[in-house]
Amino acid sequence: MAFKFEKLLVWQKAVDLADEVNQVVKKFPREELFVLTSQMRRAADSVSLNIAEGSTGQSNQEFSRFLGYALRSNVEVVACIHLAQRRGYIPKEQFDKIYKMCEELLVMINALRKKLI
């Protein structure tokens, strides 16, 4: 692995989240394509993308800032799954799975941020 972020478990878990969200939104109604579907994909992708961008060639302070962006995107995914469940697009089991993944990422991102300080 040539890039530092590829070795980070938190980045790997963030990619797993993005994959899971991508699979879930494929079942959303067509009218959500440019609304909730797009928003969820972008938020989920943003978690891993910000971890990757911040990890490479940055100071610890700069990396921490990007981890903050990743954290906010992770929380955005949680807000999106709440909307999706209320609209009847995802069953409780799928909601719970993604929610748990987001909780795990929240803990991991916060722990990494604390380690950088």
Protein backbone atom coordinates (compact mmCIF):
# COMPACT_ATOMS: atom_id res chain seq x y z
CA MET A 1 0.00 0.00 0.00
CA ALA A 2 1.56 3.22 -1.16
CA PHE A 3 -0.62 5.71 0.69
CA LYS A 4 -0.73 6.23 4.46
CA PHE A 5 -4.53 6.32 4.63
CA GLU A 6 -4.87 2.85 3.10
CA LYS A 7 -3.41 1.37 6.28
CA LEU A 8 -5.86 3.18 8.56
CA LEU A 9 -8.64 0.93 9.87
CA VAL A 10 -10.89 3.98 10.20
CA TRP A 11 -10.52 4.67 6.47
CA GLN A 12 -11.24 1.03 5.62
CA LYS A 13 -14.39 1.14 7.78
CA ALA A 14 -15.44 4.40 6.10
CA VAL A 15 -15.14 2.72 2.69
CA ASP A 16 -17.31 -0.13 4.01
CA LEU A 17 -19.92 2.44 5.05
CA ALA A 18 -19.87 4.03 1.60
CA ASP A 19 -20.33 0.61 -0.02
CA GLU A 20 -23.25 -0.21 2.29
CA VAL A 21 -24.96 3.13 1.66
CA ASN A 22 -24.48 2.73 -2.09
CA GLN A 23 -26.23 -0.64 -1.99
CA VAL A 24 -29.12 0.67 0.11
CA VAL A 25 -29.88 3.75 -1.99
CA LYS A 26 -30.17 1.67 -5.16
CA LYS A 27 -33.57 0.59 -3.82
CA PHE A 28 -34.84 4.14 -3.21
CA PRO A 29 -37.62 5.48 -5.43
CA ARG A 30 -36.62 7.23 -8.62
CA GLU A 31 -37.96 10.58 -7.39
CA GLU A 32 -35.25 10.54 -4.70
CA LEU A 33 -32.42 10.10 -7.22
CA PHE A 34 -31.31 13.73 -7.12
CA VAL A 35 -32.36 14.35 -3.53
CA LEU A 36 -31.85 11.86 -0.69
CA THR A 37 -30.09 9.23 -2.80
CA SER A 38 -27.48 11.71 -3.99
CA GLN A 39 -27.11 13.31 -0.57
CA MET A 40 -26.54 9.99 1.19
CA ARG A 41 -23.99 8.82 -1.35
CA ARG A 42 -22.06 12.08 -1.19
CA ALA A 43 -22.08 12.16 2.62
CA ALA A 44 -20.97 8.53 2.92
CA ASP A 45 -18.23 8.97 0.32
CA SER A 46 -17.08 12.15 2.02
CA VAL A 47 -16.19 10.30 5.21
CA SER A 48 -13.47 8.21 3.57
CA LEU A 49 -12.41 10.95 1.17
CA ASN A 50 -11.75 13.44 3.97
CA ILE A 51 -9.81 10.87 5.99
CA ALA A 52 -7.66 10.13 2.94
CA GLU A 53 -7.11 13.76 2.00
CA GLY A 54 -6.21 14.84 5.50
CA SER A 55 -3.80 11.98 6.17
CA THR A 56 -1.39 12.61 3.35
CA GLY A 57 1.29 15.27 3.64
CA GLN A 58 -0.52 17.28 6.28
CA SER A 59 0.34 18.41 9.78
CA ASN A 60 -1.46 16.76 12.68
CA GLN A 61 -3.53 19.93 13.09
CA GLU A 62 -4.55 19.85 9.43
CA PHE A 63 -5.32 16.11 9.58
CA SER A 64 -7.49 16.76 12.65
CA ARG A 65 -9.40 19.41 10.69
CA PHE A 66 -10.13 16.94 7.88
CA LEU A 67 -11.18 14.33 10.43
CA GLY A 68 -13.67 16.91 11.68
CA TYR A 69 -15.11 17.12 8.17
CA ALA A 70 -15.28 13.32 8.04
CA LEU A 71 -17.06 13.28 11.38
CA ARG A 72 -19.67 15.78 10.19
CA SER A 73 -20.26 13.77 7.03
CA ASN A 74 -20.70 10.65 9.14
CA VAL A 75 -23.35 12.43 11.22
CA GLU A 76 -25.02 13.54 7.99
CA VAL A 77 -25.34 9.88 6.96
CA VAL A 78 -27.13 9.21 10.26
CA ALA A 79 -29.55 12.08 9.60
CA CYS A 80 -30.18 10.74 6.09
CA ILE A 81 -30.98 7.22 7.28
CA HIS A 82 -33.47 8.68 9.73
CA LEU A 83 -35.22 10.41 6.82
CA ALA A 84 -35.03 7.28 4.69
CA GLN A 85 -36.57 5.15 7.40
CA ARG A 86 -39.36 7.67 8.08
CA ARG A 87 -40.16 7.70 4.37
CA GLY A 88 -40.31 3.91 4.29
CA TYR A 89 -37.27 3.41 2.06
CA ILE A 90 -35.22 1.23 4.40
CA PRO A 91 -36.29 -1.42 6.90
CA LYS A 92 -35.27 -1.24 10.55
CA GLU A 93 -32.60 -3.92 10.11
CA GLN A 94 -30.85 -1.90 7.41
CA PHE A 95 -31.21 1.29 9.45
CA ASP A 96 -29.68 -0.45 12.48
CA LYS A 97 -26.76 -1.81 10.45
CA ILE A 98 -25.81 1.56 8.99
CA TYR A 99 -26.42 3.31 12.30
CA LYS A 100 -24.03 0.89 14.04
CA MET A 101 -21.40 1.45 11.36
CA CYS A 102 -21.71 5.21 11.85
CA GLU A 103 -21.44 4.85 15.64
CA GLU A 104 -18.27 2.83 15.25
CA LEU A 105 -16.81 5.42 12.89
CA LEU A 106 -17.72 8.22 15.29
CA VAL A 107 -15.72 6.56 18.05
CA MET A 108 -12.78 5.77 15.77
CA ILE A 109 -12.58 9.24 14.23
CA ASN A 110 -12.77 10.92 17.63
CA ALA A 111 -10.07 8.61 19.01
CA LEU A 112 -7.77 9.38 16.09
CA ARG A 113 -8.35 13.12 16.51
CA LYS A 114 -7.43 12.90 20.20
CA LYS A 115 -4.30 10.95 19.35
CA LEU A 116 -3.17 13.71 16.97
CA ILE A 117 -3.38 16.46 19.58
